[in-house]
């Protein structure tokens, strides 16, 4: 099990940027796939991005490809989500996620979740 704490959310204008961070506890961080999901009001939680243990493989939802970048620093037990060219449709609570069992490309078997951080994009 790994504990996850997100930070970096906030209010930004359309076209702006934010970087989310996910700090993980435990010494096994480098054995987890890390990912980001989001949930907008009235909608289901959806996959955003995922990154493999060593950072060599990444997957993105079509809606964020070319605008968002997921990365990780195993020495700091931290994963990141750089979000550029933000749109009002990106407004949601963003959740960090971890799994040792990556199935497919949308991280369907999450074992640990963070508490979420709000991102609001104004038009």
Protein backbone atom coordinates (compact mmCIF):
# COMPACT_ATOMS: atom_id res chain seq x y z
CA UNK A 1 0.00 0.00 0.00
CA UNK A 2 1.13 3.54 -0.70
CA UNK A 3 -0.27 6.81 0.62
CA UNK A 4 -0.72 9.59 -1.92
CA UNK A 5 -1.06 13.33 -1.38
CA UNK A 6 -1.80 15.70 -4.25
CA UNK A 7 -0.99 19.39 -4.44
CA UNK A 8 -0.81 22.16 -7.00
CA UNK A 9 -4.45 22.62 -7.90
CA UNK A 10 -6.07 26.03 -8.15
CA UNK A 11 -7.84 28.56 -10.34
CA UNK A 12 -6.38 29.44 -13.73
CA UNK A 13 -7.61 31.20 -16.84
CA UNK A 14 -8.18 29.32 -20.06
CA UNK A 15 -4.91 28.88 -21.92
CA UNK A 16 -2.91 28.85 -18.71
CA UNK A 17 -0.85 26.14 -17.05
CA UNK A 18 -0.69 24.27 -13.77
CA UNK A 19 1.54 21.53 -12.43
CA UNK A 20 0.10 18.97 -10.08
CA UNK A 21 2.29 16.97 -7.74
CA UNK A 22 1.61 13.65 -6.05
CA UNK A 23 3.81 12.80 -3.10
CA UNK A 24 3.89 9.13 -2.15
CA UNK A 25 4.91 7.50 1.09
CA UNK A 26 6.69 4.18 1.34
CA UNK A 27 9.89 2.76 -0.08
CA UNK A 28 8.25 0.88 -2.95
CA UNK A 29 7.22 3.91 -5.01
CA UNK A 30 9.40 2.86 -7.93
CA UNK A 31 7.50 -0.43 -8.25
CA UNK A 32 4.16 1.29 -8.91
CA UNK A 33 2.64 2.59 -12.08
CA UNK A 34 1.40 6.09 -11.28
CA UNK A 35 -1.54 7.83 -12.85
CA UNK A 36 -3.93 10.74 -12.79
CA UNK A 37 -7.71 10.69 -13.01
CA UNK A 38 -10.25 13.48 -12.84
CA UNK A 39 -13.89 13.89 -11.94
CA UNK A 40 -16.01 16.82 -13.02
CA UNK A 41 -19.31 17.66 -11.27
CA UNK A 42 -22.04 15.26 -12.31
CA UNK A 43 -19.65 13.06 -14.27
CA UNK A 44 -17.85 9.80 -13.65
CA UNK A 45 -14.19 9.69 -12.75
CA UNK A 46 -12.11 9.39 -15.90
CA UNK A 47 -8.56 8.36 -16.74
CA UNK A 48 -6.16 11.17 -17.66
CA UNK A 49 -2.62 9.77 -17.81
CA UNK A 50 -0.33 7.00 -16.56
CA UNK A 51 3.40 6.41 -16.32
CA UNK A 52 5.39 3.21 -15.84
CA UNK A 53 7.81 2.42 -13.02
CA UNK A 54 10.87 3.85 -14.70
CA UNK A 55 9.01 6.52 -16.64
CA UNK A 56 9.68 4.96 -20.04
CA UNK A 57 6.05 4.32 -20.91
CA UNK A 58 3.26 6.87 -20.75
CA UNK A 59 -0.39 6.80 -21.75
CA UNK A 60 -2.85 9.65 -22.13
CA UNK A 61 -6.54 10.16 -22.66
CA UNK A 62 -7.26 11.55 -26.11
CA UNK A 63 -8.72 14.69 -24.57
CA UNK A 64 -5.39 15.72 -23.02
CA UNK A 65 -2.82 14.43 -25.53
CA UNK A 66 -0.42 17.15 -26.58
CA UNK A 67 -1.42 19.39 -23.66
CA UNK A 68 -0.66 17.36 -20.53
CA UNK A 69 2.58 15.61 -19.59
CA UNK A 70 2.96 13.03 -16.85
CA UNK A 71 6.35 12.47 -15.24
CA UNK A 72 7.88 11.07 -12.08
CA UNK A 73 10.94 11.42 -9.90
CA UNK A 74 11.55 8.14 -8.08
CA UNK A 75 14.26 9.70 -5.92
CA UNK A 76 11.63 12.09 -4.54
CA UNK A 77 8.74 9.60 -4.49
CA UNK A 78 6.73 12.09 -6.51
CA UNK A 79 4.68 12.04 -9.68
CA UNK A 80 3.68 15.12 -11.64
CA UNK A 81 1.11 16.24 -14.15
CA UNK A 82 2.06 19.29 -16.18
CA UNK A 83 -1.08 20.78 -17.68
CA UNK A 84 -0.76 23.35 -20.47
CA UNK A 85 -3.30 25.08 -22.70
CA UNK A 86 -5.98 24.47 -20.12
CA UNK A 87 -9.62 24.64 -21.13
CA UNK A 88 -12.79 25.15 -19.05
CA UNK A 89 -13.62 21.48 -19.79
CA UNK A 90 -10.52 20.50 -17.79
CA UNK A 91 -12.22 21.77 -14.63
CA UNK A 92 -12.43 18.84 -12.19
CA UNK A 93 -11.06 17.29 -9.06
CA UNK A 94 -7.82 15.58 -10.04
CA UNK A 95 -6.83 12.37 -8.27
CA UNK A 96 -3.46 10.67 -8.10
CA UNK A 97 -3.54 6.89 -8.43
CA UNK A 98 -1.16 3.98 -8.05
CA UNK A 99 -1.15 0.36 -9.12
CA UNK A 100 1.24 -2.56 -9.38
CA UNK A 101 -1.12 -4.27 -11.82
CA UNK A 102 -1.28 -2.21 -14.99
CA UNK A 103 -3.87 -3.71 -17.32
CA UNK A 104 -4.48 -2.08 -20.68
CA UNK A 105 -3.65 1.59 -21.09
CA UNK A 106 -6.20 3.28 -18.83
CA UNK A 107 -5.14 1.99 -15.42
CA UNK A 108 -8.29 0.04 -14.64
CA UNK A 109 -7.01 -1.63 -11.47
CA UNK A 110 -6.06 1.18 -9.13
CA UNK A 111 -4.97 0.06 -5.68
CA UNK A 112 -4.42 3.42 -4.02
CA UNK A 113 -5.97 6.87 -4.42
CA UNK A 114 -5.08 10.32 -3.23
CA UNK A 115 -7.65 12.67 -1.74
CA UNK A 116 -7.88 14.87 -4.82
CA UNK A 117 -7.06 18.47 -5.70
CA UNK A 118 -9.42 20.94 -7.35
CA UNK A 119 -8.52 22.46 -10.72
CA UNK A 120 -10.77 25.22 -12.00
CA UNK A 121 -10.29 26.78 -15.42
CA UNK A 122 -12.16 30.01 -16.08
CA UNK A 123 -13.15 31.15 -19.55
